[in-house]
PDB file of all heavy atoms in Angstrom:
ATOM      1  N   ILE A   1       8.966 197.366-132.985  1.00  0.00           N
ATOM      2  CA  ILE A   1       9.100 196.320-134.015  1.00  0.00           C
ATOM      3  C   ILE A   1      10.050 195.223-133.543  1.00  0.00           C
ATOM      4  O   ILE A   1       9.806 194.023-133.738  1.00  0.00           O
ATOM      5  CB  ILE A   1       9.584 196.932-135.350  1.00  0.00           C
ATOM      6  CG1 ILE A   1       8.502 197.863-135.918  1.00  0.00           C
ATOM      7  CG2 ILE A   1       9.924 195.837-136.345  1.00  0.00           C
ATOM      8  CD1 ILE A   1       8.936 198.615-137.162  1.00  0.00           C
ATOM      9  N   SER A   2      11.151 195.631-132.899  1.00  0.00           N
ATOM     10  CA  SER A   2      12.129 194.641-132.410  1.00  0.00           C
ATOM     11  C   SER A   2      11.495 193.719-131.373  1.00  0.00           C
ATOM     12  O   SER A   2      11.738 192.501-131.364  1.00  0.00           O
ATOM     13  CB  SER A   2      13.338 195.359-131.802  1.00  0.00           C
ATOM     14  OG  SER A   2      14.005 196.131-132.772  1.00  0.00           O
ATOM     15  N   ILE A   3      10.685 194.315-130.486  1.00  0.00           N
ATOM     16  CA  ILE A   3      10.027 193.507-129.452  1.00  0.00           C
ATOM     17  C   ILE A   3       9.058 192.518-130.080  1.00  0.00           C
ATOM     18  O   ILE A   3       9.015 191.326-129.716  1.00  0.00           O
ATOM     19  CB  ILE A   3       9.298 194.418-128.446  1.00  0.00           C
ATOM     20  CG1 ILE A   3      10.323 195.248-127.649  1.00  0.00           C
ATOM     21  CG2 ILE A   3       8.433 193.595-127.498  1.00  0.00           C
ATOM     22  CD1 ILE A   3       9.701 196.302-126.762  1.00  0.00           C
ATOM     23  N   ILE A   4       8.281 192.983-131.047  1.00  0.00           N
ATOM     24  CA  ILE A   4       7.291 192.114-131.705  1.00  0.00           C
ATOM     25  C   ILE A   4       7.984 190.992-132.463  1.00  0.00           C
ATOM     26  O   ILE A   4       7.641 189.808-132.315  1.00  0.00           O
ATOM     27  CB  ILE A   4       6.391 192.930-132.641  1.00  0.00           C
ATOM     28  CG1 ILE A   4       5.534 193.908-131.823  1.00  0.00           C
ATOM     29  CG2 ILE A   4       5.496 191.996-133.456  1.00  0.00           C
ATOM     30  CD1 ILE A   4       4.727 194.857-132.669  1.00  0.00           C
ATOM     31  N   ILE A   5       8.983 191.345-133.288  1.00  0.00           N
ATOM     32  CA  ILE A   5       9.695 190.333-134.082  1.00  0.00           C
ATOM     33  C   ILE A   5      10.437 189.358-133.167  1.00  0.00           C
ATOM     34  O   ILE A   5      10.436 188.138-133.381  1.00  0.00           O
ATOM     35  CB  ILE A   5      10.667 191.010-135.068  1.00  0.00           C
ATOM     36  CG1 ILE A   5       9.884 191.806-136.111  1.00  0.00           C
ATOM     37  CG2 ILE A   5      11.549 189.960-135.753  1.00  0.00           C
ATOM     38  CD1 ILE A   5      10.757 192.573-137.063  1.00  0.00           C
ATOM     39  N   GLY A   6      11.082 189.892-132.113  1.00  0.00           N
ATOM     40  CA  GLY A   6      11.806 189.025-131.178  1.00  0.00           C
ATOM     41  C   GLY A   6      10.880 188.047-130.482  1.00  0.00           C
ATOM     42  O   GLY A   6      11.218 186.869-130.291  1.00  0.00           O
ATOM     43  N   SER A   7       9.681 188.512-130.108  1.00  0.00           N
ATOM     44  CA  SER A   7       8.712 187.633-129.444  1.00  0.00           C
ATOM     45  C   SER A   7       8.232 186.537-130.380  1.00  0.00           C
ATOM     46  O   SER A   7       8.106 185.367-129.987  1.00  0.00           O
ATOM     47  CB  SER A   7       7.523 188.459-128.935  1.00  0.00           C
ATOM     48  OG  SER A   7       7.943 189.423-128.006  1.00  0.00           O
ATOM     49  N   LEU A   8       7.954 186.918-131.637  1.00  0.00           N
ATOM     50  CA  LEU A   8       7.510 185.911-132.611  1.00  0.00           C
ATOM     51  C   LEU A   8       8.605 184.891-132.890  1.00  0.00           C
ATOM     52  O   LEU A   8       8.324 183.685-132.997  1.00  0.00           O
ATOM     53  CB  LEU A   8       7.086 186.601-133.910  1.00  0.00           C
ATOM     54  CG  LEU A   8       5.829 187.488-133.826  1.00  0.00           C
ATOM     55  CD1 LEU A   8       5.592 188.206-135.155  1.00  0.00           C
ATOM     56  CD2 LEU A   8       4.606 186.649-133.456  1.00  0.00           C
ATOM     57  N   LEU A   9       9.844 185.372-133.004  1.00  0.00           N
ATOM     58  CA  LEU A   9      10.962 184.443-133.225  1.00  0.00           C
ATOM     59  C   LEU A   9      11.126 183.503-132.038  1.00  0.00           C
ATOM     60  O   LEU A   9      11.382 182.302-132.210  1.00  0.00           O
ATOM     61  CB  LEU A   9      12.254 185.228-133.464  1.00  0.00           C
ATOM     62  CG  LEU A   9      12.403 185.889-134.839  1.00  0.00           C
ATOM     63  CD1 LEU A   9      13.672 186.747-134.875  1.00  0.00           C
ATOM     64  CD2 LEU A   9      12.467 184.837-135.941  1.00  0.00           C
ATOM     65  N   MET A  10      10.978 184.049-130.828  1.00  0.00           N
ATOM     66  CA  MET A  10      11.096 183.213-129.636  1.00  0.00           C
ATOM     67  C   MET A  10       9.996 182.167-129.596  1.00  0.00           C
ATOM     68  O   MET A  10      10.230 181.019-129.223  1.00  0.00           O
ATOM     69  CB  MET A  10      11.040 184.090-128.379  1.00  0.00           C
ATOM     70  CG  MET A  10      11.218 183.291-127.096  1.00  0.00           C
ATOM     71  SD  MET A  10      12.778 182.379-127.082  1.00  0.00           S
ATOM     72  CE  MET A  10      12.416 181.121-125.853  1.00  0.00           C
ATOM     73  N   TYR A  11       8.799 182.545-129.984  1.00  0.00           N
ATOM     74  CA  TYR A  11       7.688 181.591-130.004  1.00  0.00           C
ATOM     75  C   TYR A  11       7.966 180.449-130.984  1.00  0.00           C
ATOM     76  O   TYR A  11       7.721 179.278-130.696  1.00  0.00           O
ATOM     77  CB  TYR A  11       6.392 182.308-130.387  1.00  0.00           C
ATOM     78  CG  TYR A  11       5.165 181.439-130.321  1.00  0.00           C
ATOM     79  CD1 TYR A  11       4.567 181.141-129.110  1.00  0.00           C
ATOM     80  CD2 TYR A  11       4.613 180.893-131.481  1.00  0.00           C
ATOM     81  CE1 TYR A  11       3.449 180.329-129.040  1.00  0.00           C
ATOM     82  CE2 TYR A  11       3.488 180.077-131.429  1.00  0.00           C
ATOM     83  CZ  TYR A  11       2.910 179.807-130.199  1.00  0.00           C
ATOM     84  OH  TYR A  11       1.812 178.993-130.147  1.00  0.00           O
ATOM     85  N   ALA A  12       8.519 180.826-132.172  1.00  0.00           N
ATOM     86  CA  ALA A  12       8.837 179.809-133.183  1.00  0.00           C
ATOM     87  C   ALA A  12       9.987 178.917-132.725  1.00  0.00           C
ATOM     88  O   ALA A  12       9.941 177.684-132.845  1.00  0.00           O
ATOM     89  CB  ALA A  12       9.169 180.479-134.509  1.00  0.00           C
ATOM     90  N   ILE A  13      11.038 179.529-132.160  1.00  0.00           N
ATOM     91  CA  ILE A  13      12.215 178.761-131.733  1.00  0.00           C
ATOM     92  C   ILE A  13      11.862 177.844-130.568  1.00  0.00           C
ATOM     93  O   ILE A  13      12.295 176.681-130.513  1.00  0.00           O
ATOM     94  CB  ILE A  13      13.361 179.721-131.342  1.00  0.00           C
ATOM     95  CG1 ILE A  13      13.864 180.457-132.586  1.00  0.00           C
ATOM     96  CG2 ILE A  13      14.504 178.950-130.689  1.00  0.00           C
ATOM     97  CD1 ILE A  13      14.844 181.565-132.277  1.00  0.00           C
ATOM     98  N   SER A  14      11.053 178.357-129.623  1.00  0.00           N
ATOM     99  CA  SER A  14      10.664 177.527-128.480  1.00  0.00           C
ATOM    100  C   SER A  14       9.823 176.334-128.936  1.00  0.00           C
ATOM    101  O   SER A  14       9.887 175.256-128.339  1.00  0.00           O
ATOM    102  CB  SER A  14       9.894 178.361-127.457  1.00  0.00           C
ATOM    103  OG  SER A  14       8.703 178.870-128.025  1.00  0.00           O
ATOM    104  N   GLY A  15       9.020 176.527-129.984  1.00  0.00           N
ATOM    105  CA  GLY A  15       8.235 175.410-130.513  1.00  0.00           C
ATOM    106  C   GLY A  15       9.126 174.298-131.030  1.00  0.00           C
ATOM    107  O   GLY A  15       8.863 173.112-130.808  1.00  0.00           O
ATOM    108  N   VAL A  16      10.206 174.699-131.736  1.00  0.00           N
ATOM    109  CA  VAL A  16      11.159 173.699-132.242  1.00  0.00           C
ATOM    110  C   VAL A  16      11.904 173.039-131.088  1.00  0.00           C
ATOM    111  O   VAL A  16      12.097 171.821-131.056  1.00  0.00           O
ATOM    112  CB  VAL A  16      12.153 174.369-133.214  1.00  0.00           C
ATOM    113  CG1 VAL A  16      13.206 173.364-133.669  1.00  0.00           C
ATOM    114  CG2 VAL A  16      11.423 174.945-134.416  1.00  0.00           C
ATOM    115  N   ALA A  17      12.315 173.857-130.103  1.00  0.00           N
ATOM    116  CA  ALA A  17      13.075 173.329-128.972  1.00  0.00           C
ATOM    117  C   ALA A  17      12.241 172.383-128.115  1.00  0.00           C
ATOM    118  O   ALA A  17      12.755 171.393-127.571  1.00  0.00           O
ATOM    119  CB  ALA A  17      13.607 174.480-128.120  1.00  0.00           C
ATOM    120  N   LEU A  18      10.949 172.688-127.994  1.00  0.00           N
ATOM    121  CA  LEU A  18      10.081 171.882-127.143  1.00  0.00           C
ATOM    122  C   LEU A  18       9.383 170.744-127.888  1.00  0.00           C
ATOM    123  O   LEU A  18       8.570 170.035-127.300  1.00  0.00           O
ATOM    124  CB  LEU A  18       9.017 172.775-126.492  1.00  0.00           C
ATOM    125  CG  LEU A  18       9.537 173.829-125.505  1.00  0.00           C
ATOM    126  CD1 LEU A  18       8.414 174.725-125.037  1.00  0.00           C
ATOM    127  CD2 LEU A  18      10.228 173.175-124.317  1.00  0.00           C
ATOM    128  N   LYS A  19       9.704 170.577-129.149  1.00  0.00           N
ATOM    129  CA  LYS A  19       9.090 169.499-129.925  1.00  0.00           C
ATOM    130  C   LYS A  19       9.410 168.143-129.330  1.00  0.00           C
ATOM    131  O   LYS A  19       8.566 167.249-129.258  1.00  0.00           O
ATOM    132  CB  LYS A  19       9.568 169.575-131.379  1.00  0.00           C
ATOM    133  CG  LYS A  19       8.913 168.552-132.292  1.00  0.00           C
ATOM    134  CD  LYS A  19       9.395 168.711-133.729  1.00  0.00           C
ATOM    135  CE  LYS A  19       8.722 167.673-134.639  1.00  0.00           C
ATOM    136  NZ  LYS A  19       9.193 167.806-136.045  1.00  0.00           N
ATOM    137  N   GLN A  20      10.675 167.981-128.871  1.00  0.00           N
ATOM    138  CA  GLN A  20      11.088 166.715-128.266  1.00  0.00           C
ATOM    139  C   GLN A  20      10.374 166.491-126.921  1.00  0.00           C
ATOM    140  O   GLN A  20      10.067 165.365-126.553  1.00  0.00           O
ATOM    141  CB  GLN A  20      12.601 166.697-128.060  1.00  0.00           C
ATOM    142  CG  GLN A  20      13.410 166.712-129.343  1.00  0.00           C
ATOM    143  CD  GLN A  20      13.197 165.471-130.180  1.00  0.00           C
ATOM    144  OE1 GLN A  20      12.933 164.406-129.652  1.00  0.00           O
ATOM    145  NE2 GLN A  20      13.293 165.604-131.493  1.00  0.00           N
ATOM    146  N   VAL A  21      10.101 167.611-126.209  1.00  0.00           N
ATOM    147  CA  VAL A  21       9.373 167.486-124.949  1.00  0.00           C
ATOM    148  C   VAL A  21       7.958 166.981-125.213  1.00  0.00           C
ATOM    149  O   VAL A  21       7.433 166.116-124.501  1.00  0.00           O
ATOM    150  CB  VAL A  21       9.325 168.849-124.217  1.00  0.00           C
ATOM    151  CG1 VAL A  21       8.487 168.742-122.948  1.00  0.00           C
ATOM    152  CG2 VAL A  21      10.733 169.321-123.887  1.00  0.00           C
ATOM    153  N   THR A  22       7.320 167.536-126.263  1.00  0.00           N
ATOM    154  CA  THR A  22       5.976 167.089-126.634  1.00  0.00           C
ATOM    155  C   THR A  22       5.982 165.620-127.029  1.00  0.00           C
ATOM    156  O   THR A  22       5.082 164.852-126.646  1.00  0.00           O
ATOM    157  CB  THR A  22       5.437 167.944-127.805  1.00  0.00           C
ATOM    158  OG1 THR A  22       5.480 169.324-127.423  1.00  0.00           O
ATOM    159  CG2 THR A  22       4.016 167.555-128.148  1.00  0.00           C
ATOM    160  N   LEU A  23       7.000 165.209-127.797  1.00  0.00           N
ATOM    161  CA  LEU A  23       7.106 163.810-128.217  1.00  0.00           C
ATOM    162  C   LEU A  23       7.280 162.897-127.013  1.00  0.00           C
ATOM    163  O   LEU A  23       6.636 161.840-126.922  1.00  0.00           O
ATOM    164  CB  LEU A  23       8.292 163.656-129.179  1.00  0.00           C
ATOM    165  CG  LEU A  23       8.568 162.245-129.714  1.00  0.00           C
ATOM    166  CD1 LEU A  23       7.375 161.735-130.514  1.00  0.00           C
ATOM    167  CD2 LEU A  23       9.828 162.240-130.575  1.00  0.00           C
ATOM    168  N   LEU A  24       8.145 163.313-126.070  1.00  0.00           N
ATOM    169  CA  LEU A  24       8.356 162.513-124.866  1.00  0.00           C
ATOM    170  C   LEU A  24       7.077 162.436-124.039  1.00  0.00           C
ATOM    171  O   LEU A  24       6.733 161.379-123.504  1.00  0.00           O
ATOM    172  CB  LEU A  24       9.492 163.122-124.040  1.00  0.00           C
ATOM    173  CG  LEU A  24       9.859 162.411-122.743  1.00  0.00           C
ATOM    174  CD1 LEU A  24      10.317 160.983-123.025  1.00  0.00           C
ATOM    175  CD2 LEU A  24      10.938 163.186-121.995  1.00  0.00           C
ATOM    176  N   SER A  25       6.357 163.550-123.954  1.00  0.00           N
ATOM    177  CA  SER A  25       5.102 163.573-123.206  1.00  0.00           C
ATOM    178  C   SER A  25       4.074 162.627-123.817  1.00  0.00           C
ATOM    179  O   SER A  25       3.340 161.935-123.091  1.00  0.00           O
ATOM    180  CB  SER A  25       4.549 164.996-123.171  1.00  0.00           C
ATOM    181  OG  SER A  25       3.312 165.044-122.509  1.00  0.00           O
ATOM    182  N   GLN A  26       3.996 162.559-125.128  1.00  0.00           N
ATOM    183  CA  GLN A  26       3.055 161.657-125.797  1.00  0.00           C
ATOM    184  C   GLN A  26       3.401 160.203-125.527  1.00  0.00           C
ATOM    185  O   GLN A  26       2.518 159.367-125.312  1.00  0.00           O
ATOM    186  CB  GLN A  26       3.056 161.944-127.301  1.00  0.00           C
ATOM    187  CG  GLN A  26       2.444 163.288-127.671  1.00  0.00           C
ATOM    188  CD  GLN A  26       2.603 163.607-129.142  1.00  0.00           C
ATOM    189  OE1 GLN A  26       3.338 162.925-129.875  1.00  0.00           O
ATOM    190  NE2 GLN A  26       1.921 164.657-129.595  1.00  0.00           N
ATOM    191  N   LYS A  27       4.706 159.896-125.526  1.00  0.00           N
ATOM    192  CA  LYS A  27       5.121 158.516-125.257  1.00  0.00           C
ATOM    193  C   LYS A  27       4.774 158.118-123.823  1.00  0.00           C
ATOM    194  O   LYS A  27       4.319 157.007-123.564  1.00  0.00           O
ATOM    195  CB  LYS A  27       6.628 158.368-125.502  1.00  0.00           C
ATOM    196  CG  LYS A  27       7.032 158.425-126.978  1.00  0.00           C
ATOM    197  CD  LYS A  27       8.534 158.273-127.119  1.00  0.00           C
ATOM    198  CE  LYS A  27       8.946 158.252-128.582  1.00  0.00           C
ATOM    199  NZ  LYS A  27       8.460 157.054-129.275  1.00  0.00           N
ATOM    200  N   ILE A  28       4.996 159.049-122.892  1.00  0.00           N
ATOM    201  CA  ILE A  28       4.699 158.760-121.495  1.00  0.00           C
ATOM    202  C   ILE A  28       3.197 158.615-121.277  1.00  0.00           C
ATOM    203  O   ILE A  28       2.739 157.772-120.499  1.00  0.00           O
ATOM    204  CB  ILE A  28       5.279 159.870-120.593  1.00  0.00           C
ATOM    205  CG1 ILE A  28       6.812 159.839-120.648  1.00  0.00           C
ATOM    206  CG2 ILE A  28       4.800 159.712-119.158  1.00  0.00           C
ATOM    207  CD1 ILE A  28       7.473 160.981-119.895  1.00  0.00           C
ATOM    208  N   ALA A  29       2.401 159.453-122.000  1.00  0.00           N
ATOM    209  CA  ALA A  29       0.942 159.430-121.826  1.00  0.00           C
ATOM    210  C   ALA A  29       0.337 158.091-122.254  1.00  0.00           C
ATOM    211  O   ALA A  29      -0.744 157.725-121.797  1.00  0.00           O
ATOM    212  CB  ALA A  29       0.303 160.569-122.613  1.00  0.00           C
ATOM    213  N   ASN A  30       1.020 157.365-123.126  1.00  0.00           N
ATOM    214  CA  ASN A  30       0.500 156.087-123.616  1.00  0.00           C
ATOM    215  C   ASN A  30       0.788 154.924-122.685  1.00  0.00           C
ATOM    216  O   ASN A  30       0.410 153.786-122.961  1.00  0.00           O
ATOM    217  CB  ASN A  30       1.093 155.775-125.003  1.00  0.00           C
ATOM    218  CG  ASN A  30       0.615 156.748-126.066  1.00  0.00           C
ATOM    219  OD1 ASN A  30      -0.509 157.248-125.990  1.00  0.00           O
ATOM    220  ND2 ASN A  30       1.459 157.039-127.037  1.00  0.00           N
ATOM    221  N   ILE A  31       1.465 155.217-121.555  1.00  0.00           N
ATOM    222  CA  ILE A  31       1.834 154.153-120.617  1.00  0.00           C
ATOM    223  C   ILE A  31       0.834 154.123-119.469  1.00  0.00           C
ATOM    224  O   ILE A  31       0.504 155.157-118.903  1.00  0.00           O
ATOM    225  CB  ILE A  31       3.253 154.381-120.068  1.00  0.00           C
ATOM    226  CG1 ILE A  31       4.265 154.407-121.216  1.00  0.00           C
ATOM    227  CG2 ILE A  31       3.627 153.294-119.067  1.00  0.00           C
ATOM    228  CD1 ILE A  31       5.661 154.793-120.768  1.00  0.00           C
ATOM    229  N   ASP A  32       0.314 152.941-119.154  1.00  0.00           N
ATOM    230  CA  ASP A  32      -0.536 152.779-117.983  1.00  0.00           C
ATOM    231  C   ASP A  32      -0.031 151.584-117.182  1.00  0.00           C
ATOM    232  O   ASP A  32       1.011 151.008-117.487  1.00  0.00           O
ATOM    233  CB  ASP A  32      -2.012 152.601-118.373  1.00  0.00           C
ATOM    234  CG  ASP A  32      -2.227 151.423-119.330  1.00  0.00           C
ATOM    235  OD1 ASP A  32      -1.403 150.485-119.283  1.00  0.00           O
ATOM    236  OD2 ASP A  32      -3.194 151.440-120.099  1.00  0.00           O
ATOM    237  N   LYS A  33      -0.757 151.219-116.148  1.00  0.00           N
ATOM    238  CA  LYS A  33      -0.282 150.149-115.258  1.00  0.00           C
ATOM    239  C   LYS A  33      -0.203 148.800-115.955  1.00  0.00           C
ATOM    240  O   LYS A  33       0.468 147.892-115.480  1.00  0.00           O
ATOM    241  CB  LYS A  33      -1.195 150.052-114.043  1.00  0.00           C
ATOM    242  CG  LYS A  33      -2.613 149.599-114.361  1.00  0.00           C
ATOM    243  CD  LYS A  33      -3.431 149.473-113.096  1.00  0.00           C
ATOM    244  CE  LYS A  33      -4.844 148.960-113.380  1.00  0.00           C
ATOM    245  NZ  LYS A  33      -5.632 148.799-112.151  1.00  0.00           N
ATOM    246  N   ASN A  34      -0.900 148.668-117.098  1.00  0.00           N
ATOM    247  CA  ASN A  34      -0.848 147.407-117.839  1.00  0.00           C
ATOM    248  C   ASN A  34       0.255 147.399-118.889  1.00  0.00           C
ATOM    249  O   ASN A  34       0.453 146.404-119.574  1.00  0.00           O
ATOM    250  CB  ASN A  34      -2.199 147.154-118.525  1.00  0.00           C
ATOM    251  CG  ASN A  34      -3.329 147.003-117.533  1.00  0.00           C
ATOM    252  OD1 ASN A  34      -3.166 146.366-116.495  1.00  0.00           O
ATOM    253  ND2 ASN A  34      -4.479 147.606-117.824  1.00  0.00           N
ATOM    254  N   GLU A  35       0.957 148.543-119.050  1.00  0.00           N
ATOM    255  CA  GLU A  35       2.016 148.644-120.048  1.00  0.00           C
ATOM    256  C   GLU A  35       3.345 149.037-119.410  1.00  0.00           C
ATOM    257  O   GLU A  35       4.122 149.786-119.992  1.00  0.00           O
ATOM    258  CB  GLU A  35       1.613 149.684-121.111  1.00  0.00           C
ATOM    259  CG  GLU A  35       0.420 149.302-121.961  1.00  0.00           C
ATOM    260  CD  GLU A  35       0.711 148.143-122.897  1.00  0.00           C
ATOM    261  OE1 GLU A  35       1.906 147.907-123.182  1.00  0.00           O
ATOM    262  OE2 GLU A  35      -0.235 147.463-123.328  1.00  0.00           O
ATOM    263  N   LEU A  36       3.593 148.554-118.200  1.00  0.00           N
ATOM    264  CA  LEU A  36       4.815 148.928-117.509  1.00  0.00           C
ATOM    265  C   LEU A  36       6.054 148.290-118.125  1.00  0.00           C
ATOM    266  O   LEU A  36       7.174 148.683-117.799  1.00  0.00           O
ATOM    267  CB  LEU A  36       4.713 148.534-116.029  1.00  0.00           C
ATOM    268  CG  LEU A  36       3.710 149.341-115.198  1.00  0.00           C
ATOM    269  CD1 LEU A  36       3.665 148.826-113.771  1.00  0.00           C
ATOM    270  CD2 LEU A  36       4.050 150.814-115.213  1.00  0.00           C
ATOM    271  N   SER A  37       5.877 147.326-118.995  1.00  0.00           N
ATOM    272  CA  SER A  37       7.024 146.720-119.670  1.00  0.00           C
ATOM    273  C   SER A  37       7.525 147.587-120.818  1.00  0.00           C
ATOM    274  O   SER A  37       8.610 147.363-121.348  1.00  0.00           O
ATOM    275  CB  SER A  37       6.648 145.334-120.209  1.00  0.00           C
ATOM    276  OG  SER A  37       5.561 145.435-121.118  1.00  0.00           O
ATOM    277  N   PHE A  38       6.747 148.608-121.190  1.00  0.00           N
ATOM    278  CA  PHE A  38       7.138 149.509-122.279  1.00  0.00           C
ATOM    279  C   PHE A  38       8.320 150.372-121.845  1.00  0.00           C
ATOM    280  O   PHE A  38       8.385 150.829-120.712  1.00  0.00           O
ATOM    281  CB  PHE A  38       5.954 150.404-122.671  1.00  0.00           C
ATOM    282  CG  PHE A  38       6.295 151.444-123.706  1.00  0.00           C
ATOM    283  CD1 PHE A  38       6.350 151.112-125.047  1.00  0.00           C
ATOM    284  CD2 PHE A  38       6.568 152.748-123.324  1.00  0.00           C
ATOM    285  CE1 PHE A  38       6.670 152.073-125.987  1.00  0.00           C
ATOM    286  CE2 PHE A  38       6.879 153.707-124.256  1.00  0.00           C
ATOM    287  CZ  PHE A  38       6.929 153.372-125.598  1.00  0.00           C
ATOM    288  N   ARG A  39       9.267 150.586-122.767  1.00  0.00           N
ATOM    289  CA  ARG A  39      10.410 151.439-122.485  1.00  0.00           C
ATOM    290  C   ARG A  39      10.594 152.429-123.635  1.00  0.00           C
ATOM    291  O   ARG A  39      10.324 152.112-124.795  1.00  0.00           O
ATOM    292  CB  ARG A  39      11.699 150.619-122.315  1.00  0.00           C
ATOM    293  CG  ARG A  39      11.688 149.683-121.122  1.00  0.00           C
ATOM    294  CD  ARG A  39      11.662 150.435-119.810  1.00  0.00           C
ATOM    295  NE  ARG A  39      11.650 149.531-118.662  1.00  0.00           N
ATOM    296  CZ  ARG A  39      10.565 149.025-118.115  1.00  0.00           C
ATOM    297  NH1 ARG A  39       9.371 149.336-118.601  1.00  0.00           N
ATOM    298  NH2 ARG A  39      10.638 148.230-117.069  1.00  0.00           N
TER     299      ARG A  39
END
């Protein structure tokens, strides 16, 4: 039970921790050679 609950908690916590990474990835994905002035 501890292993299962710990894994689920880690999955939830990592999702919150990596939310900013996902946001940064989306911002970077919207940049192409015609949008190099974007910051």
